[in-house]
Amino acid sequence: QVQLVESGGGVVPAGGSLRLSCAASRSIFSINSMGWFRQAPGKQRELVATITSGGSTNYADSVKGRFTISRDNAKNTVYLQMNRLKPEDTAIYYCVAVGSFWGQGTQVTVSS
């Protein structure tokens, strides 16, 4: 089992940047795929980005070119760098060990 704790959310104006962090309670070295999902009010939860243990990444079309996912296995941490934020990026962002564990989420609000 692994506990995931997100941080770094907040309120930012459109065009701004935020970096989310996800700290795991144990080593993530053996976890093949880590990722970020998000859920906006009244909408279904959606995939934002994933990264494998080998460093391969995958992004939702809506965030390609603006968001970057990375992982630091030595620090047991996954990051999501979000640039050129848009109001439609407003959501609760969840860190995920894909297929198993979820964090509690962190709120990101982008003001227009």
Foldseek 3Di string as FASTA:
>chain_A
DKAKAKDWADEEAAQAKIKMKIAIPDFCLPLFKKAKWWDDPPGDIGGAKMAGSVGDMDGDPVQPPFWDWDDDRVRRMIMIIGGRDDQVVFTWMWIDSPPDDIYPTDTHGYHD
